[in-house]
Amino acid sequence: MTYRHRHLLGIEPLAPSDITTILDLADRYVTLNRASDKHGDALAGRTQVNMFFENSTRTQASFELAGLRLGADVMNMSMQASSIKKGETLIDTAMTLNAMHPDLLVVRHPHSGAVNLLAEKVNCAVLNAGDGRHEHPTQALLDALTIRRSKGRLHRLTVAICGDIAHSRVARSNILLLGKMESRIRLIGPPTLMPAGVADWGVEVFDDMRAGLEGADVVMMLRLQKERMDGGFIPSEREYYHRFGLDAEKLGYARSDAIVMHPGPMNRGVEIDGTLADDINRSVIQEQVEMGVAVRMAVMDLLARNLGKPMQTARS
């Protein structure tokens, strides 16, 4: 498999062939993860450092498990208790880590562009686990793998992305990826939660769920990111659910075989009806979690191949 990128900082630099390469390898890792022996050796001798400047459950656990299953030495840094809190700059932290010779650096940061800055200062491969409102590339890749395995393709589907578009790096990465794969993208949400200039993104924009969901193959719900909101973006959660929360009645406007997705964590009864979220005939939310481990294994495997052979450990 050919993958020539040194880092994974976003979906934007990837060609459709790069996306296909990642998903094809991830498919193999789905099979491995379902076997009784789940361990490979693609990262044997490698050191993986996870730096999460924002709280995370699913993404951090997924990256950690992915590294361990491929044989890496995995270190989770508690950034809340790090020297950053003592005034150390991000650049100084990067230089300190670089001196420890990690091979893979997984970073989540609240500021857009911070991960790209780190990548310029270290010698290892850097993976963006989410930076501000910018991108969350592995989430888009795992969503793509979930869609492809469910629908048999990624090309020329109608995908509705619903909710808090303005604050969502997940939405941005999915829009980029699905656009590269020639799918039709609809964004649905209140005008207060739509980004400026969204009309220039090559997407269709709706403020009515029923119109936006008409004939959709995939319905992707988004979390209301209250931690990124500094004003009154919605009248109330109850009103938001009435207009933009997904329930069986609204889903009825989509195709009869449409799948329901959510990156998590979910606010049940706000973004999505809890019964629908758990409906094994429509919801692929648990499959998204499973695909996340396989995709992160695939990405780290491909990046490690471009690093050359692991350094030999000195022996006494």
Protein backbone atom coordinates (compact mmCIF):
# COMPACT_ATOMS: atom_id res chain seq x y z
CA MET A 1 0.00 0.00 0.00
CA THR A 2 1.33 3.43 -0.96
CA TYR A 3 0.79 6.33 1.44
CA ARG A 4 3.37 9.09 1.09
CA HIS A 5 2.29 11.57 3.77
CA ARG A 6 4.50 12.14 6.79
CA HIS A 7 1.66 13.26 9.09
CA LEU A 8 -2.12 13.12 9.28
CA LEU A 9 -3.07 16.71 10.09
CA GLY A 10 -6.34 16.87 8.19
CA ILE A 11 -8.42 15.46 5.35
CA GLU A 12 -7.70 18.42 3.07
CA PRO A 13 -4.25 17.23 1.83
CA LEU A 14 -5.47 13.68 1.11
CA ALA A 15 -6.27 12.46 -2.38
CA PRO A 16 -9.18 10.03 -2.90
CA SER A 17 -6.58 7.28 -3.40
CA ASP A 18 -5.07 8.06 0.03
CA ILE A 19 -8.50 7.76 1.64
CA THR A 20 -9.12 4.45 -0.11
CA THR A 21 -5.72 3.13 1.00
CA ILE A 22 -6.47 3.93 4.64
CA LEU A 23 -9.95 2.41 4.51
CA ASP A 24 -8.75 -0.76 2.76
CA LEU A 25 -6.11 -1.36 5.43
CA ALA A 26 -8.61 -0.49 8.17
CA ASP A 27 -10.91 -3.20 6.80
CA ARG A 28 -8.15 -5.73 7.47
CA TYR A 29 -7.78 -4.44 11.01
CA VAL A 30 -11.52 -4.83 11.61
CA THR A 31 -10.99 -8.53 10.93
CA LEU A 32 -8.00 -8.65 13.29
CA ASN A 33 -9.92 -6.88 16.04
CA ARG A 34 -12.70 -9.46 15.83
CA ALA A 35 -10.29 -12.39 16.16
CA SER A 36 -9.44 -14.08 19.45
CA ASP A 37 -5.82 -12.88 19.12
CA LYS A 38 -6.08 -9.17 18.39
CA HIS A 39 -2.38 -8.34 18.30
CA GLY A 40 -0.17 -7.37 15.39
CA ASP A 41 3.43 -6.14 15.22
CA ALA A 42 3.27 -3.22 12.79
CA LEU A 43 4.35 -0.81 15.56
CA ALA A 44 6.74 -3.13 17.39
CA GLY A 45 9.70 -1.09 18.64
CA ARG A 46 7.81 2.19 18.13
CA THR A 47 6.89 4.73 20.80
CA GLN A 48 3.50 6.42 20.66
CA VAL A 49 2.81 9.51 22.80
CA ASN A 50 -0.77 10.72 23.28
CA MET A 51 -1.09 14.42 24.19
CA PHE A 52 -4.67 15.48 24.88
CA PHE A 53 -5.03 19.13 25.87
CA GLU A 54 -8.82 18.64 25.86
CA ASN A 55 -10.74 15.95 27.72
CA SER A 56 -11.52 12.90 25.62
CA THR A 57 -12.87 9.45 26.30
CA ARG A 58 -13.55 7.75 22.97
CA THR A 59 -10.74 9.18 20.88
CA GLN A 60 -7.96 8.80 23.46
CA ALA A 61 -9.02 5.28 24.42
CA SER A 62 -9.28 4.34 20.75
CA PHE A 63 -5.78 5.61 19.91
CA GLU A 64 -4.33 3.93 22.99
CA LEU A 65 -5.93 0.59 22.18
CA ALA A 66 -4.89 0.88 18.52
CA GLY A 67 -1.25 1.42 19.47
CA LEU A 68 -1.21 -1.40 22.02
CA ARG A 69 -2.77 -3.87 19.59
CA LEU A 70 -0.03 -3.09 17.06
CA GLY A 71 2.77 -3.56 19.61
CA ALA A 72 3.75 0.07 20.32
CA ASP A 73 5.00 1.43 23.63
CA VAL A 74 2.18 3.85 24.45
CA MET A 75 2.47 6.81 26.82
CA ASN A 76 -0.48 9.01 27.76
CA MET A 77 0.57 12.48 28.90
CA SER A 78 -1.73 14.27 31.34
CA MET A 79 -1.63 17.74 29.84
CA GLN A 80 -3.85 19.16 32.58
CA ALA A 81 -1.01 18.47 35.01
CA SER A 82 1.83 19.24 32.61
CA SER A 83 4.35 22.05 32.52
CA ILE A 84 1.99 23.89 30.14
CA LYS A 85 0.13 24.87 33.30
CA LYS A 86 3.38 26.28 34.67
CA GLY A 87 3.85 28.58 31.71
CA GLU A 88 5.76 26.37 29.30
CA THR A 89 4.96 27.17 25.68
CA LEU A 90 3.64 24.63 23.20
CA ILE A 91 6.91 24.91 21.27
CA ASP A 92 8.98 24.14 24.37
CA THR A 93 6.81 21.13 25.08
CA ALA A 94 7.31 19.94 21.50
CA MET A 95 11.08 20.32 21.74
CA THR A 96 11.16 18.42 25.05
CA LEU A 97 9.14 15.57 23.58
CA ASN A 98 11.26 15.54 20.44
CA ALA A 99 14.36 14.93 22.57
CA MET A 100 12.73 11.71 23.81
CA HIS A 101 12.57 10.37 20.22
CA PRO A 102 8.93 9.32 19.93
CA ASP A 103 7.80 7.82 16.63
CA LEU A 104 4.14 8.79 16.71
CA LEU A 105 2.63 11.83 18.41
CA VAL A 106 -1.16 11.95 18.77
CA VAL A 107 -2.41 15.44 19.68
CA ARG A 108 -5.76 16.99 20.58
CA HIS A 109 -5.72 20.73 21.19
CA PRO A 110 -8.41 23.40 21.69
CA HIS A 111 -6.81 25.84 19.23
CA SER A 112 -7.06 25.45 15.47
CA GLY A 113 -3.64 25.07 13.87
CA ALA A 114 -1.81 24.05 17.05
CA VAL A 115 -1.25 20.50 15.79
CA ASN A 116 0.22 21.80 12.52
CA LEU A 117 2.60 23.99 14.53
CA LEU A 118 3.77 21.00 16.56
CA ALA A 119 4.33 18.98 13.39
CA GLU A 120 6.80 21.62 12.19
CA LYS A 121 8.92 21.26 15.33
CA VAL A 122 9.26 17.48 15.77
CA ASN A 123 10.91 14.70 13.83
CA CYS A 124 8.18 12.11 14.36
CA ALA A 125 4.82 11.51 12.67
CA VAL A 126 2.01 13.68 14.08
CA LEU A 127 -1.65 12.70 14.08
CA ASN A 128 -4.35 15.29 14.60
CA ALA A 129 -6.90 13.99 17.12
CA GLY A 130 -8.91 17.23 16.83
CA ASP A 131 -7.79 20.86 16.85
CA GLY A 132 -10.29 23.55 17.76
CA ARG A 133 -12.92 24.00 15.07
CA HIS A 134 -10.45 23.02 12.34
CA GLU A 135 -10.38 19.27 11.70
CA HIS A 136 -10.79 15.80 13.20
CA PRO A 137 -9.49 13.59 10.37
CA THR A 138 -9.64 10.16 11.98
CA GLN A 139 -13.30 10.75 12.92
CA ALA A 140 -14.13 11.46 9.28
CA LEU A 141 -12.18 8.37 8.19
CA LEU A 142 -13.96 6.11 10.67
CA ASP A 143 -17.28 7.59 9.58
CA ALA A 144 -16.33 6.88 5.97
CA LEU A 145 -15.41 3.28 6.80
CA THR A 146 -18.73 2.82 8.63
CA ILE A 147 -20.66 4.20 5.65
CA ARG A 148 -18.71 2.14 3.10
CA ARG A 149 -19.23 -1.11 5.02
CA SER A 150 -22.94 -0.38 5.43
CA LYS A 151 -23.69 0.99 1.96
CA GLY A 152 -21.02 -0.79 -0.08
CA ARG A 153 -19.65 2.50 -1.43
CA LEU A 154 -18.79 6.11 -0.61
CA HIS A 155 -19.39 7.61 -4.03
CA ARG A 156 -22.57 9.45 -4.96
CA LEU A 157 -24.47 9.05 -1.73
CA THR A 158 -26.69 11.73 -0.24
CA VAL A 159 -25.39 12.52 3.25
CA ALA A 160 -27.24 14.85 5.63
CA ILE A 161 -25.11 16.37 8.41
CA CYS A 162 -27.39 17.86 11.04
CA GLY A 163 -26.98 20.15 14.02
CA ASP A 164 -24.14 22.33 15.30
CA ILE A 165 -22.18 22.75 12.08
CA ALA A 166 -20.52 26.01 13.14
CA HIS A 167 -18.54 24.57 16.04
CA SER A 168 -17.89 21.10 14.62
CA ARG A 169 -14.49 19.97 13.39
CA VAL A 170 -16.17 16.60 12.71
CA ALA A 171 -18.50 18.27 10.23
CA ARG A 172 -15.63 20.08 8.50
CA SER A 173 -13.57 16.91 8.05
CA ASN A 174 -16.58 14.93 6.85
CA ILE A 175 -17.53 17.62 4.35
CA LEU A 176 -13.99 17.54 2.93
CA LEU A 177 -13.83 13.73 2.76
CA LEU A 178 -17.29 13.13 1.34
CA GLY A 179 -16.76 15.90 -1.19
CA LYS A 180 -13.58 14.22 -2.42
CA MET A 181 -15.56 10.99 -2.83
CA GLU A 182 -18.22 12.77 -4.92
CA SER A 183 -21.08 12.42 -2.48
CA ARG A 184 -23.88 14.97 -2.18
CA ILE A 185 -23.73 16.81 1.15
CA ARG A 186 -26.60 18.54 2.89
CA LEU A 187 -26.12 20.63 6.02
CA ILE A 188 -29.16 21.01 8.26
CA GLY A 189 -29.45 23.29 11.28
CA PRO A 190 -30.55 26.68 12.57
CA PRO A 191 -28.89 29.69 10.88
CA THR A 192 -27.20 30.54 14.22
CA LEU A 193 -25.29 27.24 14.02
CA MET A 194 -24.17 27.57 10.40
CA PRO A 195 -20.63 28.85 9.67
CA ALA A 196 -20.09 32.10 7.82
CA GLY A 197 -19.57 31.53 4.11
CA VAL A 198 -21.11 28.05 4.18
CA ALA A 199 -22.81 28.70 0.84
CA ASP A 200 -19.37 28.60 -0.80
CA TRP A 201 -18.55 25.10 0.49
CA GLY A 202 -20.21 23.20 -2.34
CA VAL A 203 -22.99 21.90 -0.08
CA GLU A 204 -26.75 22.36 0.20
CA VAL A 205 -28.00 24.20 3.30
CA PHE A 206 -31.36 23.64 4.98
CA ASP A 207 -33.01 25.00 8.11
CA ASP A 208 -35.84 22.46 7.93
CA MET A 209 -35.11 18.85 8.90
CA ARG A 210 -37.84 17.32 6.79
CA ALA A 211 -36.75 19.03 3.58
CA GLY A 212 -33.08 18.35 4.26
CA LEU A 213 -33.59 14.66 5.03
CA GLU A 214 -35.70 13.96 1.94
CA GLY A 215 -34.14 10.96 0.18
CA ALA A 216 -30.94 10.93 2.32
CA ASP A 217 -28.86 7.72 2.44
CA VAL A 218 -26.98 8.73 5.58
CA VAL A 219 -28.12 10.91 8.49
CA MET A 220 -25.21 12.16 10.58
CA MET A 221 -26.22 13.94 13.79
CA LEU A 222 -23.81 16.26 15.64
CA ARG A 223 -23.41 17.12 19.30
CA LEU A 224 -24.36 20.58 20.51
CA GLN A 225 -20.94 21.90 21.57
CA LYS A 226 -21.97 24.13 24.44
CA GLU A 227 -18.37 24.50 25.60
CA ARG A 228 -17.61 26.40 22.37
CA MET A 229 -20.69 28.62 22.54
CA ASP A 230 -20.49 32.08 24.06
CA GLY A 231 -24.02 33.28 23.39
CA GLY A 232 -27.63 32.31 22.81
CA PHE A 233 -27.33 30.07 19.76
CA ILE A 234 -30.57 28.16 20.45
CA PRO A 235 -33.77 29.25 22.28
CA SER A 236 -33.82 26.12 24.50
CA GLU A 237 -32.88 22.45 24.31
CA ARG A 238 -36.55 21.54 24.20
CA GLU A 239 -37.19 23.81 21.22
CA TYR A 240 -34.00 22.59 19.52
CA TYR A 241 -35.11 18.95 19.83
CA HIS A 242 -38.56 19.81 18.47
CA ARG A 243 -37.08 21.40 15.33
CA PHE A 244 -33.71 19.69 14.82
CA GLY A 245 -33.58 16.59 17.00
CA LEU A 246 -33.80 13.32 15.09
CA ASP A 247 -36.79 11.13 15.83
CA ALA A 248 -38.65 8.43 13.92
CA GLU A 249 -41.03 10.90 12.30
CA LYS A 250 -38.25 13.07 10.83
CA LEU A 251 -36.19 10.04 9.82
CA GLY A 252 -39.19 8.86 7.83
CA TYR A 253 -38.35 11.52 5.21
CA ALA A 254 -34.99 9.86 4.50
CA ARG A 255 -34.63 6.69 2.45
CA SER A 256 -36.09 3.57 4.05
CA ASP A 257 -32.60 2.07 4.36
CA ALA A 258 -30.91 5.25 5.60
CA ILE A 259 -28.39 4.77 8.41
CA VAL A 260 -28.14 7.00 11.50
CA MET A 261 -24.76 8.18 12.81
CA HIS A 262 -23.45 10.28 15.73
CA PRO A 263 -19.78 10.88 16.69
CA GLY A 264 -20.60 10.92 20.42
CA PRO A 265 -21.02 11.75 23.14
CA MET A 266 -24.77 12.00 22.55
CA ASN A 267 -27.23 14.28 24.27
CA ARG A 268 -30.25 11.99 24.15
CA GLY A 269 -33.52 13.83 23.82
CA VAL A 270 -31.69 16.90 22.50
CA GLU A 271 -29.94 15.83 19.28
CA ILE A 272 -31.45 12.38 18.89
CA ASP A 273 -34.21 10.22 20.33
CA GLY A 274 -32.67 7.60 22.61
CA THR A 275 -34.76 4.74 21.19
CA LEU A 276 -33.63 5.60 17.66
CA ALA A 277 -29.99 5.83 18.74
CA ASP A 278 -30.25 2.24 20.02
CA ASP A 279 -32.19 0.87 17.04
CA ILE A 280 -29.92 -1.84 15.62
CA ASN A 281 -31.80 -1.73 12.31
CA ARG A 282 -31.04 1.95 11.66
CA SER A 283 -28.29 3.16 14.01
CA VAL A 284 -24.61 2.43 13.26
CA ILE A 285 -23.33 4.45 16.24
CA GLN A 286 -21.73 1.45 17.93
CA GLU A 287 -20.15 0.41 14.62
CA GLN A 288 -18.55 3.87 14.45
CA VAL A 289 -16.83 3.19 17.77
CA GLU A 290 -15.56 -0.16 16.50
CA MET A 291 -14.33 1.32 13.21
CA GLY A 292 -12.46 4.01 15.14
CA VAL A 293 -9.93 1.53 16.53
CA ALA A 294 -9.38 -0.08 13.12
CA VAL A 295 -8.94 3.25 11.32
CA ARG A 296 -6.44 4.51 13.89
CA MET A 297 -4.49 1.27 13.62
CA ALA A 298 -4.39 1.69 9.84
CA VAL A 299 -3.26 5.32 9.95
CA MET A 300 -0.49 4.69 12.47
CA ASP A 301 0.66 1.63 10.53
CA LEU A 302 0.90 3.61 7.28
CA LEU A 303 2.70 6.55 8.90
CA ALA A 304 5.16 4.23 10.65
CA ARG A 305 6.11 2.67 7.30
CA ASN A 306 7.40 6.09 6.20
CA LEU A 307 9.63 6.47 9.27
CA GLY A 308 12.12 3.78 8.34
CA LYS A 309 13.07 0.90 10.61
CA PRO A 310 12.73 1.32 14.41
CA MET A 311 15.97 2.18 16.24
CA GLN A 312 17.59 -0.85 17.83
CA THR A 313 17.48 -0.88 21.61
CA ALA A 314 20.91 -0.69 23.22
CA ARG A 315 21.78 -3.83 25.18
CA SER A 316 24.33 -4.14 27.98
